[in-house]
Amino acid sequence: MMKNRFWQLDRHPTGHDFADALTLREERLGPLGDGEVRVATQWLSMDAGTRMWMSPRTDGYQPPLPLGSKMVGLCLGRVVASRDRRFADGALVRGFGQWADYATLLPDEAGLEQLDETVRDPRQHFGALGMNSWTAYVGIAEVAGVGPGEWVAVSAAAGATGSLACQVARNLGAKVVGIAGGPEKCRYLRDELGVDLAIDYKGEDVAAALANVPGGLNAYFDNVGGPILDAVLPNMAHYGRVAICGLLASYDSDAPMPGPANFDQILMRRLRVEGFFIPDFLERGAQLLPRLRGWMDEGRLTVRFDETAGLENVLTAYERMLTGRNIGKVIVRVADQTNPPA
């Protein structure tokens, strides 16, 4: 039987102290159950939304993980054993599995899908062709309904979903304001992503900078909530749309985020505010891929990867993502599975 390392959630983390909450453990893998698929993990995706799964809150978009269970996230790898005829040995797949060397999944519960092998860099299944990209497209094109010539702002704009949202908006003909923390991220937004305006929320007055947008913002793609949302609301154009994708400013606390101080601007400016999550449109990924693949192949949809090597270093990568020390998509390359451990 093969050995398997995995991360276990022992306690609800306090703030960013993940080392006190999760431990790396080892087991020997048993035989697969009916319908199960085992995947040798090549990469793990570090996603802010999984921070809520570690908390005791029961009012989120899905129940919290029970203490003592294996930590779960999006994984990318190859099938090494299968009791589901849809997934053959050797297939490249992506789905929600354990933070482990080997993820054992029930395909329908895990959203497991076989991936296109013609993509030169398989990491793009976490990037331009991944769920962050689906989220960016749906949020910009459908929830916020962004059109040519409109002004759209994106918070956490140098992160995985934010950087893709900037590019989707640009590709749809909109004018883009990227809000990020620090000069390096703002240079990335201007020089590599081609945003029209980059605002450093750590060094600038966000509300004052947004006041320079002619006519106000027609749309806002929100990844963070908190003070940045408060800075945006008074600078929205009448009948603007706010698509709320994440609340990063509150993920290090188990308490609900308080409402915006400028809530009255939703009424005064007749704004439409809508929250959305990837489970809302997970089954539509195949419909979105042709357009996203076309933009990627044309060089109009790119992702910078922030890659950490080794399953044992997952918590380092996870904290980098949640504290905003990354540019682009944070992933972990798991140990080589060419010769599986005995």
Protein backbone atom coordinates (compact mmCIF):
# COMPACT_ATOMS: atom_id res chain seq x y z
CA MET A 1 0.00 0.00 0.00
CA MET A 2 1.17 3.53 -0.79
CA LYS A 3 2.08 6.11 1.81
CA ASN A 4 0.18 9.38 1.71
CA ARG A 5 0.88 12.68 3.42
CA PHE A 6 -2.07 14.97 4.08
CA TRP A 7 -2.93 18.14 5.97
CA GLN A 8 -5.47 17.72 8.76
CA LEU A 9 -7.62 20.49 10.26
CA ASP A 10 -7.26 20.07 14.03
CA ARG A 11 -8.49 23.46 15.28
CA HIS A 12 -10.17 26.57 13.92
CA PRO A 13 -7.31 28.96 13.08
CA THR A 14 -6.95 32.30 14.81
CA GLY A 15 -6.08 34.98 12.29
CA HIS A 16 -3.26 33.68 10.11
CA ASP A 17 -1.88 31.19 12.62
CA PHE A 18 -2.41 28.17 10.42
CA ALA A 19 0.50 26.20 11.89
CA ASP A 20 -1.42 25.91 15.16
CA ALA A 21 -4.55 24.70 13.39
CA LEU A 22 -3.33 22.25 10.74
CA THR A 23 -0.83 19.41 10.92
CA LEU A 24 0.89 17.35 8.24
CA ARG A 25 0.16 13.67 8.83
CA GLU A 26 0.87 10.37 7.11
CA GLU A 27 -1.23 7.31 6.37
CA ARG A 28 -1.17 4.17 4.26
CA LEU A 29 -3.77 4.25 1.52
CA GLY A 30 -6.33 1.49 1.45
CA PRO A 31 -8.26 0.15 -1.53
CA LEU A 32 -10.73 2.41 -3.31
CA GLY A 33 -14.42 2.24 -2.55
CA ASP A 34 -17.12 1.93 -5.19
CA GLY A 35 -17.11 4.93 -7.53
CA GLU A 36 -13.95 6.48 -6.05
CA VAL A 37 -11.01 7.89 -8.01
CA ARG A 38 -7.47 8.39 -6.69
CA VAL A 39 -5.42 11.28 -8.05
CA ALA A 40 -1.68 11.81 -7.71
CA THR A 41 -1.65 15.52 -6.95
CA GLN A 42 0.69 17.64 -9.08
CA TRP A 43 -0.50 21.10 -7.99
CA LEU A 44 -2.75 22.51 -5.29
CA SER A 45 -4.62 25.78 -5.69
CA MET A 46 -4.49 28.25 -2.80
CA ASP A 47 -7.86 30.04 -2.68
CA ALA A 48 -9.09 32.62 -0.18
CA GLY A 49 -12.58 31.14 0.00
CA THR A 50 -11.26 28.00 1.68
CA ARG A 51 -10.40 30.10 4.75
CA MET A 52 -14.12 30.12 5.58
CA TRP A 53 -14.17 26.31 5.46
CA MET A 54 -11.72 26.30 8.39
CA SER A 55 -13.96 28.48 10.57
CA PRO A 56 -16.86 27.34 12.79
CA ARG A 57 -19.33 29.58 10.94
CA THR A 58 -22.39 27.76 9.64
CA ASP A 59 -23.83 30.71 7.68
CA GLY A 60 -21.36 30.52 4.79
CA TYR A 61 -21.99 29.26 1.30
CA GLN A 62 -21.13 25.73 2.41
CA PRO A 63 -20.79 23.99 5.79
CA PRO A 64 -17.44 24.22 7.60
CA LEU A 65 -15.05 21.28 7.53
CA PRO A 66 -15.34 19.13 10.66
CA LEU A 67 -12.33 19.27 12.95
CA GLY A 68 -10.14 16.21 12.49
CA SER A 69 -10.88 15.98 8.76
CA LYS A 70 -8.46 16.36 5.88
CA MET A 71 -8.17 19.88 4.52
CA VAL A 72 -9.78 20.25 1.11
CA GLY A 73 -9.04 22.47 -1.87
CA LEU A 74 -8.78 22.45 -5.61
CA CYS A 75 -6.20 19.99 -6.92
CA LEU A 76 -4.75 19.18 -10.33
CA GLY A 77 -3.12 15.86 -11.12
CA ARG A 78 -3.33 12.46 -12.78
CA VAL A 79 -5.53 9.49 -12.04
CA VAL A 80 -3.56 6.56 -10.58
CA ALA A 81 -6.51 4.32 -9.72
CA SER A 82 -10.19 4.45 -10.58
CA ARG A 83 -13.45 2.72 -9.83
CA ASP A 84 -15.38 5.11 -12.07
CA ARG A 85 -15.40 4.24 -15.77
CA ARG A 86 -15.44 7.92 -16.74
CA PHE A 87 -11.89 8.40 -15.45
CA ALA A 88 -9.12 6.20 -16.82
CA ASP A 89 -5.68 5.76 -15.30
CA GLY A 90 -3.32 8.51 -16.44
CA ALA A 91 -6.05 11.08 -17.17
CA LEU A 92 -5.24 14.70 -16.28
CA VAL A 93 -7.99 15.91 -13.96
CA ARG A 94 -9.02 18.80 -11.71
CA GLY A 95 -11.39 18.73 -8.76
CA PHE A 96 -11.90 19.47 -5.08
CA GLY A 97 -9.76 17.01 -3.14
CA GLN A 98 -7.55 16.77 -0.10
CA TRP A 99 -4.37 18.75 0.48
CA ALA A 100 -2.41 15.55 0.05
CA ASP A 101 0.04 13.62 -2.10
CA TYR A 102 -2.91 11.52 -3.23
CA ALA A 103 -6.48 12.80 -3.25
CA THR A 104 -9.25 10.20 -3.05
CA LEU A 105 -12.47 11.56 -4.53
CA LEU A 106 -16.05 10.80 -5.39
CA PRO A 107 -16.11 12.53 -8.80
CA ASP A 108 -19.61 14.02 -8.69
CA GLU A 109 -19.15 15.43 -5.19
CA ALA A 110 -15.67 16.75 -6.04
CA GLY A 111 -16.59 18.32 -9.39
CA LEU A 112 -13.89 16.15 -10.96
CA GLU A 113 -13.34 16.71 -14.66
CA GLN A 114 -10.91 15.49 -17.29
CA LEU A 115 -8.79 18.28 -18.77
CA ASP A 116 -7.54 19.26 -22.21
CA GLU A 117 -4.04 17.85 -22.73
CA THR A 118 -3.31 20.26 -25.61
CA VAL A 119 -2.76 23.13 -23.15
CA ARG A 120 1.02 23.58 -23.13
CA ASP A 121 1.27 24.62 -19.49
CA PRO A 122 -1.11 22.45 -17.42
CA ARG A 123 -1.04 25.07 -14.67
CA GLN A 124 -3.31 27.18 -16.89
CA HIS A 125 -6.12 24.87 -15.76
CA PHE A 126 -5.68 26.82 -12.50
CA GLY A 127 -5.08 30.04 -14.41
CA ALA A 128 -6.61 31.43 -17.59
CA LEU A 129 -8.75 28.29 -17.99
CA GLY A 130 -9.47 27.70 -14.33
CA MET A 131 -12.17 28.57 -11.84
CA ASN A 132 -10.66 31.96 -11.00
CA SER A 133 -11.04 32.81 -14.68
CA TRP A 134 -14.62 31.54 -14.77
CA THR A 135 -15.36 33.69 -11.72
CA ALA A 136 -13.76 36.74 -13.33
CA TYR A 137 -15.72 36.30 -16.56
CA VAL A 138 -19.10 35.67 -14.94
CA GLY A 139 -18.62 38.53 -12.47
CA ILE A 140 -17.56 41.07 -15.08
CA ALA A 141 -19.63 40.05 -18.11
CA GLU A 142 -22.80 38.75 -16.48
CA VAL A 143 -23.24 39.87 -12.87
CA ALA A 144 -21.84 43.38 -13.42
CA GLY A 145 -22.86 43.42 -17.09
CA VAL A 146 -19.80 45.44 -18.13
CA GLY A 147 -19.91 46.89 -21.65
CA PRO A 148 -17.59 48.82 -23.99
CA GLY A 149 -16.56 52.28 -22.79
CA GLU A 150 -17.70 51.77 -19.21
CA TRP A 151 -15.47 52.32 -16.20
CA VAL A 152 -15.00 49.29 -13.93
CA ALA A 153 -12.91 49.02 -10.76
CA VAL A 154 -11.45 45.77 -9.42
CA SER A 155 -10.13 45.28 -5.88
CA ALA A 156 -7.33 42.83 -5.05
CA ALA A 157 -6.54 43.47 -8.70
CA ALA A 158 -3.08 41.87 -8.64
CA GLY A 159 -4.37 38.58 -7.24
CA ALA A 160 -5.55 35.56 -9.21
CA THR A 161 -9.23 36.45 -9.70
CA GLY A 162 -8.63 40.21 -9.69
CA SER A 163 -5.95 40.17 -12.38
CA LEU A 164 -8.18 38.04 -14.59
CA ALA A 165 -11.17 40.31 -13.96
CA CYS A 166 -9.10 43.30 -15.08
CA GLN A 167 -8.23 41.54 -18.33
CA VAL A 168 -11.78 40.33 -18.99
CA ALA A 169 -13.07 43.88 -18.56
CA ARG A 170 -10.35 45.24 -20.83
CA ASN A 171 -11.12 42.58 -23.45
CA LEU A 172 -14.78 43.61 -23.38
CA GLY A 173 -13.81 47.19 -24.17
CA ALA A 174 -14.15 48.68 -20.71
CA LYS A 175 -11.82 51.14 -18.98
CA VAL A 176 -10.26 49.50 -15.95
CA VAL A 177 -9.23 50.75 -12.52
CA GLY A 178 -7.11 48.26 -10.60
CA ILE A 179 -6.85 48.64 -6.81
CA ALA A 180 -3.94 46.82 -5.19
CA GLY A 181 -1.42 47.16 -2.37
CA GLY A 182 2.03 48.52 -3.13
CA PRO A 183 3.99 50.09 -6.02
CA GLU A 184 5.15 46.73 -7.44
CA LYS A 185 1.59 45.50 -7.85
CA CYS A 186 0.51 48.77 -9.41
CA ARG A 187 3.37 48.57 -11.91
CA TYR A 188 2.25 45.04 -12.78
CA LEU A 189 -1.30 46.27 -13.35
CA ARG A 190 -0.19 49.15 -15.59
CA ASP A 191 2.71 47.59 -17.47
CA GLU A 192 1.59 43.97 -17.88
CA LEU A 193 -2.21 44.06 -17.68
CA GLY A 194 -2.74 47.47 -19.28
CA VAL A 195 -5.22 48.94 -16.79
CA ASP A 196 -6.14 52.58 -17.32
CA LEU A 197 -5.61 53.54 -13.68
CA ALA A 198 -3.81 51.72 -10.86
CA ILE A 199 -4.44 52.78 -7.26
CA ASP A 200 -2.17 51.77 -4.38
CA TYR A 201 -4.52 51.49 -1.42
CA LYS A 202 -1.55 51.33 0.96
CA GLY A 203 -0.10 54.64 -0.23
CA GLU A 204 -3.01 56.58 -1.72
CA ASP A 205 -6.42 57.86 -0.74
CA VAL A 206 -8.58 55.42 -2.71
CA ALA A 207 -11.74 57.53 -2.57
CA ALA A 208 -9.87 60.65 -3.73
CA ALA A 209 -8.23 58.77 -6.60
CA LEU A 210 -11.57 57.29 -7.71
CA ALA A 211 -13.12 60.76 -7.71
CA ASN A 212 -11.04 61.44 -10.84
CA VAL A 213 -12.94 58.82 -12.86
CA PRO A 214 -15.08 60.77 -15.36
CA GLY A 215 -18.76 60.27 -14.58
CA GLY A 216 -18.04 57.71 -11.84
CA LEU A 217 -17.67 53.94 -11.90
CA ASN A 218 -20.25 51.99 -13.85
CA ALA A 219 -19.25 48.71 -12.22
CA TYR A 220 -17.18 47.37 -9.36
CA PHE A 221 -15.80 43.82 -9.00
CA ASP A 222 -15.26 43.41 -5.26
CA ASN A 223 -12.88 40.84 -3.82
CA VAL A 224 -12.35 42.36 -0.38
CA GLY A 225 -15.23 44.38 1.10
CA GLY A 226 -14.33 46.55 4.09
CA PRO A 227 -12.80 50.04 3.73
CA ILE A 228 -12.24 49.71 -0.03
CA LEU A 229 -15.94 49.05 -0.63
CA ASP A 230 -16.65 52.16 1.45
CA ALA A 231 -14.29 54.16 -0.76
CA VAL A 232 -15.93 52.87 -3.93
CA LEU A 233 -19.64 53.36 -3.17
CA PRO A 234 -19.65 57.21 -3.17
CA ASN A 235 -17.72 57.11 -6.47
CA MET A 236 -20.17 54.90 -8.35
CA ALA A 237 -22.18 56.29 -11.23
CA HIS A 238 -25.96 56.25 -10.94
CA TYR A 239 -27.40 52.83 -11.75
CA GLY A 240 -23.98 51.21 -11.29
CA ARG A 241 -23.51 47.52 -10.54
CA VAL A 242 -21.44 45.95 -7.75
CA ALA A 243 -20.48 42.28 -8.13
CA ILE A 244 -19.29 40.88 -4.80
CA CYS A 245 -16.99 37.92 -5.32
CA GLY A 246 -15.12 37.84 -2.00
CA LEU A 247 -14.68 39.50 1.39
CA LEU A 248 -10.96 39.07 1.92
CA ALA A 249 -10.86 41.83 4.54
CA SER A 250 -12.85 39.63 6.94
CA TYR A 251 -11.48 36.14 6.30
CA ASP A 252 -9.11 36.20 9.27
CA SER A 253 -12.04 36.57 11.67
CA ASP A 254 -14.87 34.19 12.53
CA ALA A 255 -17.23 37.15 13.08
CA PRO A 256 -19.46 38.39 10.23
CA MET A 257 -18.23 41.49 8.42
CA PRO A 258 -20.19 44.63 9.35
CA GLY A 259 -22.05 46.40 6.57
CA PRO A 260 -20.46 49.32 4.72
CA ALA A 261 -20.54 52.72 6.42
CA ASN A 262 -21.58 54.21 3.08
CA PHE A 263 -24.51 51.85 2.66
CA ASP A 264 -26.83 54.77 1.96
CA GLN A 265 -25.08 55.32 -1.38
CA ILE A 266 -26.67 52.13 -2.66
CA LEU A 267 -30.00 53.92 -2.49
CA MET A 268 -28.81 57.41 -3.40
CA ARG A 269 -27.07 56.15 -6.54
CA ARG A 270 -29.65 53.42 -7.31
CA LEU A 271 -26.99 50.74 -7.29
CA ARG A 272 -27.50 47.03 -7.86
CA VAL A 273 -25.38 44.87 -5.54
CA GLU A 274 -25.15 41.11 -6.11
CA GLY A 275 -23.02 38.42 -4.51
CA PHE A 276 -21.97 35.33 -6.42
CA PHE A 277 -19.90 32.19 -5.83
CA ILE A 278 -18.30 29.60 -8.08
CA PRO A 279 -20.81 26.86 -7.05
CA ASP A 280 -23.51 28.98 -8.73
CA PHE A 281 -22.08 28.26 -12.17
CA LEU A 282 -19.65 25.36 -11.74
CA GLU A 283 -21.46 23.29 -14.34
CA ARG A 284 -21.03 26.04 -16.95
CA GLY A 285 -17.25 25.80 -17.16
CA ALA A 286 -17.28 23.98 -20.50
CA GLN A 287 -19.43 26.76 -22.01
CA LEU A 288 -16.99 29.45 -20.89
CA LEU A 289 -13.80 27.73 -22.00
CA PRO A 290 -13.85 28.47 -25.76
CA ARG A 291 -13.81 32.23 -25.25
CA LEU A 292 -11.26 32.07 -22.44
CA ARG A 293 -9.05 29.71 -24.46
CA GLY A 294 -9.25 32.05 -27.44
CA TRP A 295 -8.13 35.02 -25.36
CA MET A 296 -5.34 32.97 -23.80
CA ASP A 297 -4.05 31.77 -27.16
CA GLU A 298 -4.10 35.38 -28.42
CA GLY A 299 -2.07 36.53 -25.40
CA ARG A 300 -5.00 38.61 -24.08
CA LEU A 301 -5.58 36.57 -20.92
CA THR A 302 -2.51 35.77 -18.85
CA VAL A 303 -1.73 34.71 -15.31
CA ARG A 304 1.43 35.12 -13.28
CA PHE A 305 2.00 32.07 -11.08
CA ASP A 306 3.35 32.34 -7.54
CA GLU A 307 4.53 28.75 -7.09
CA THR A 308 5.81 27.11 -3.91
CA ALA A 309 7.40 23.66 -4.04
CA GLY A 310 6.48 20.86 -1.67
CA LEU A 311 3.35 19.70 0.12
CA GLU A 312 5.13 20.41 3.40
CA ASN A 313 5.21 24.13 2.47
CA VAL A 314 1.47 24.52 1.85
CA LEU A 315 0.91 26.74 4.88
CA THR A 316 3.64 29.15 3.77
CA ALA A 317 1.98 29.53 0.37
CA TYR A 318 -1.49 29.80 1.89
CA GLU A 319 -0.46 32.63 4.20
CA ARG A 320 1.26 34.44 1.30
CA MET A 321 -2.02 34.39 -0.58
CA LEU A 322 -4.20 35.54 2.32
CA THR A 323 -1.82 38.33 3.37
CA GLY A 324 -1.45 39.67 -0.18
CA ARG A 325 2.29 39.04 -0.55
CA ASN A 326 1.73 37.46 -3.94
CA ILE A 327 1.14 38.69 -7.47
CA GLY A 328 -1.10 36.41 -9.49
CA LYS A 329 -2.16 32.86 -8.75
CA VAL A 330 -0.71 31.11 -5.69
CA ILE A 331 -0.18 27.39 -6.20
CA VAL A 332 1.80 24.60 -4.58
CA ARG A 333 3.71 22.10 -6.67
CA VAL A 334 3.43 18.79 -4.84
CA ALA A 335 6.34 16.33 -4.76
CA ASP A 336 6.93 14.44 -8.02
CA GLN A 337 4.63 11.45 -8.30
CA THR A 338 6.45 9.73 -11.19
CA ASN A 339 7.70 7.10 -8.75
CA PRO A 340 5.05 6.87 -6.02
CA PRO A 341 6.24 6.14 -2.50
CA ALA A 342 5.82 2.53 -1.43
